[in-house]
């Protein structure tokens, strides 16, 4: 149970930092979407890190790489909203 709470806290902080680094009018707003942004960024960073051999299969992304992953997810979000694929 403590692990889930830790993931939510780290995801929220990573999402906040990503939104601060990439401001935009169509950013996901609210606690839940910011947390989801950070958690998805952490999963993306873990997947890429394991694929290139930086992490072993039992390791996850750290806080910094989770933030970088959240920035990448937010960049993709901005591109999809800008191109009209999704409505922000």
C-alpha atoms as a PDB file:
ATOM      1  CA  UNK A   1       0.000   0.000   0.000  1.00  0.00           C
ATOM      2  CA  UNK A   2       2.845   2.390   0.801  1.00  0.00           C
ATOM      3  CA  UNK A   3       4.335   1.767  -2.654  1.00  0.00           C
ATOM      4  CA  UNK A   4       1.192   2.952  -4.399  1.00  0.00           C
ATOM      5  CA  UNK A   5       1.095   6.138  -2.360  1.00  0.00           C
ATOM      6  CA  UNK A   6       4.774   6.764  -3.169  1.00  0.00           C
ATOM      7  CA  UNK A   7       4.089   6.299  -6.904  1.00  0.00           C
ATOM      8  CA  UNK A   8       1.220   8.797  -6.716  1.00  0.00           C
ATOM      9  CA  UNK A   9       3.359  11.358  -4.874  1.00  0.00           C
ATOM     10  CA  UNK A  10       6.319  11.013  -7.266  1.00  0.00           C
ATOM     11  CA  UNK A  11       3.969  11.045 -10.273  1.00  0.00           C
ATOM     12  CA  UNK A  12       2.273  14.213  -9.067  1.00  0.00           C
ATOM     13  CA  UNK A  13       5.568  16.014  -8.467  1.00  0.00           C
ATOM     14  CA  UNK A  14       6.986  14.867 -11.825  1.00  0.00           C
ATOM     15  CA  UNK A  15       3.775  16.014 -13.541  1.00  0.00           C
ATOM     16  CA  UNK A  16       3.948  19.410 -11.836  1.00  0.00           C
ATOM     17  CA  UNK A  17       7.551  19.920 -12.886  1.00  0.00           C
ATOM     18  CA  UNK A  18       6.747  18.833 -16.459  1.00  0.00           C
ATOM     19  CA  UNK A  19       3.849  21.307 -16.620  1.00  0.00           C
ATOM     20  CA  UNK A  20       6.126  24.024 -15.236  1.00  0.00           C
ATOM     21  CA  UNK A  21       8.835  23.264 -17.823  1.00  0.00           C
ATOM     22  CA  UNK A  22       6.362  23.138 -20.738  1.00  0.00           C
ATOM     23  CA  UNK A  23       3.572  25.639 -20.079  1.00  0.00           C
ATOM     24  CA  UNK A  24       0.676  25.724 -22.464  1.00  0.00           C
ATOM     25  CA  UNK A  25      -2.987  26.698 -22.571  1.00  0.00           C
ATOM     26  CA  UNK A  26      -4.112  23.147 -23.330  1.00  0.00           C
ATOM     27  CA  UNK A  27      -2.132  21.347 -20.602  1.00  0.00           C
ATOM     28  CA  UNK A  28      -3.947  18.667 -18.624  1.00  0.00           C
ATOM     29  CA  UNK A  29      -5.297  20.373 -15.496  1.00  0.00           C
ATOM     30  CA  UNK A  30      -6.119  19.114 -12.027  1.00  0.00           C
ATOM     31  CA  UNK A  31      -4.577  16.772  -9.493  1.00  0.00           C
ATOM     32  CA  UNK A  32      -5.611  13.538 -11.197  1.00  0.00           C
ATOM     33  CA  UNK A  33      -4.453  14.452 -14.722  1.00  0.00           C
ATOM     34  CA  UNK A  34      -1.193  15.897 -13.419  1.00  0.00           C
ATOM     35  CA  UNK A  35      -0.559  12.695 -11.461  1.00  0.00           C
ATOM     36  CA  UNK A  36      -1.441  10.541 -14.471  1.00  0.00           C
ATOM     37  CA  UNK A  37       0.953  12.627 -16.585  1.00  0.00           C
ATOM     38  CA  UNK A  38       3.789  11.935 -14.145  1.00  0.00           C
ATOM     39  CA  UNK A  39       2.989   8.237 -13.766  1.00  0.00           C
ATOM     40  CA  UNK A  40       2.765   7.720 -17.540  1.00  0.00           C
ATOM     41  CA  UNK A  41       6.062   9.591 -17.876  1.00  0.00           C
ATOM     42  CA  UNK A  42       7.630   7.247 -15.318  1.00  0.00           C
ATOM     43  CA  UNK A  43       6.339   4.187 -17.173  1.00  0.00           C
ATOM     44  CA  UNK A  44       7.665   5.576 -20.456  1.00  0.00           C
ATOM     45  CA  UNK A  45      11.069   6.295 -18.907  1.00  0.00           C
ATOM     46  CA  UNK A  46      11.176   2.813 -17.347  1.00  0.00           C
ATOM     47  CA  UNK A  47      10.245   1.144 -20.648  1.00  0.00           C
ATOM     48  CA  UNK A  48      12.853   3.064 -22.633  1.00  0.00           C
ATOM     49  CA  UNK A  49      15.488   2.597 -19.923  1.00  0.00           C
ATOM     50  CA  UNK A  50      14.926  -1.166 -19.858  1.00  0.00           C
ATOM     51  CA  UNK A  51      14.885  -1.356 -23.659  1.00  0.00           C
ATOM     52  CA  UNK A  52      18.299   0.289 -23.981  1.00  0.00           C
ATOM     53  CA  UNK A  53      19.744  -1.652 -21.052  1.00  0.00           C
ATOM     54  CA  UNK A  54      20.019   1.233 -18.589  1.00  0.00           C
ATOM     55  CA  UNK A  55      17.681  -0.457 -16.086  1.00  0.00           C
ATOM     56  CA  UNK A  56      17.351  -4.131 -15.280  1.00  0.00           C
ATOM     57  CA  UNK A  57      13.911  -5.743 -15.443  1.00  0.00           C
ATOM     58  CA  UNK A  58      13.312  -5.286 -11.714  1.00  0.00           C
ATOM     59  CA  UNK A  59      14.213  -1.570 -11.691  1.00  0.00           C
ATOM     60  CA  UNK A  60      12.012   1.410 -12.357  1.00  0.00           C
ATOM     61  CA  UNK A  61      12.730   4.943 -13.429  1.00  0.00           C
ATOM     62  CA  UNK A  62      14.006   7.405 -10.876  1.00  0.00           C
ATOM     63  CA  UNK A  63      12.521  10.798 -10.121  1.00  0.00           C
ATOM     64  CA  UNK A  64      14.576  12.697 -12.688  1.00  0.00           C
ATOM     65  CA  UNK A  65      13.897  10.271 -15.521  1.00  0.00           C
ATOM     66  CA  UNK A  66      10.207  10.173 -14.555  1.00  0.00           C
ATOM     67  CA  UNK A  67      10.153  13.953 -14.947  1.00  0.00           C
ATOM     68  CA  UNK A  68      11.894  13.709 -18.324  1.00  0.00           C
ATOM     69  CA  UNK A  69       9.381  11.059 -19.372  1.00  0.00           C
ATOM     70  CA  UNK A  70       6.520  13.331 -18.286  1.00  0.00           C
ATOM     71  CA  UNK A  71       7.981  16.166 -20.376  1.00  0.00           C
ATOM     72  CA  UNK A  72       8.079  13.818 -23.387  1.00  0.00           C
ATOM     73  CA  UNK A  73       4.452  12.780 -22.783  1.00  0.00           C
ATOM     74  CA  UNK A  74       3.447  16.440 -22.472  1.00  0.00           C
ATOM     75  CA  UNK A  75       5.293  17.253 -25.711  1.00  0.00           C
ATOM     76  CA  UNK A  76       3.360  14.476 -27.487  1.00  0.00           C
ATOM     77  CA  UNK A  77       0.134  15.831 -25.947  1.00  0.00           C
ATOM     78  CA  UNK A  78       0.908  19.314 -27.311  1.00  0.00           C
ATOM     79  CA  UNK A  79       1.607  17.931 -30.784  1.00  0.00           C
ATOM     80  CA  UNK A  80      -1.663  15.950 -30.812  1.00  0.00           C
ATOM     81  CA  UNK A  81      -3.687  18.965 -29.653  1.00  0.00           C
ATOM     82  CA  UNK A  82      -1.931  21.294 -32.124  1.00  0.00           C
ATOM     83  CA  UNK A  83      -2.617  18.949 -35.024  1.00  0.00           C
ATOM     84  CA  UNK A  84      -6.256  18.554 -33.997  1.00  0.00           C
ATOM     85  CA  UNK A  85      -6.072  14.804 -33.409  1.00  0.00           C
ATOM     86  CA  UNK A  86      -7.462  15.339 -29.912  1.00  0.00           C
ATOM     87  CA  UNK A  87      -9.376  18.240 -28.454  1.00  0.00           C
ATOM     88  CA  UNK A  88      -7.604  19.753 -25.420  1.00  0.00           C
END
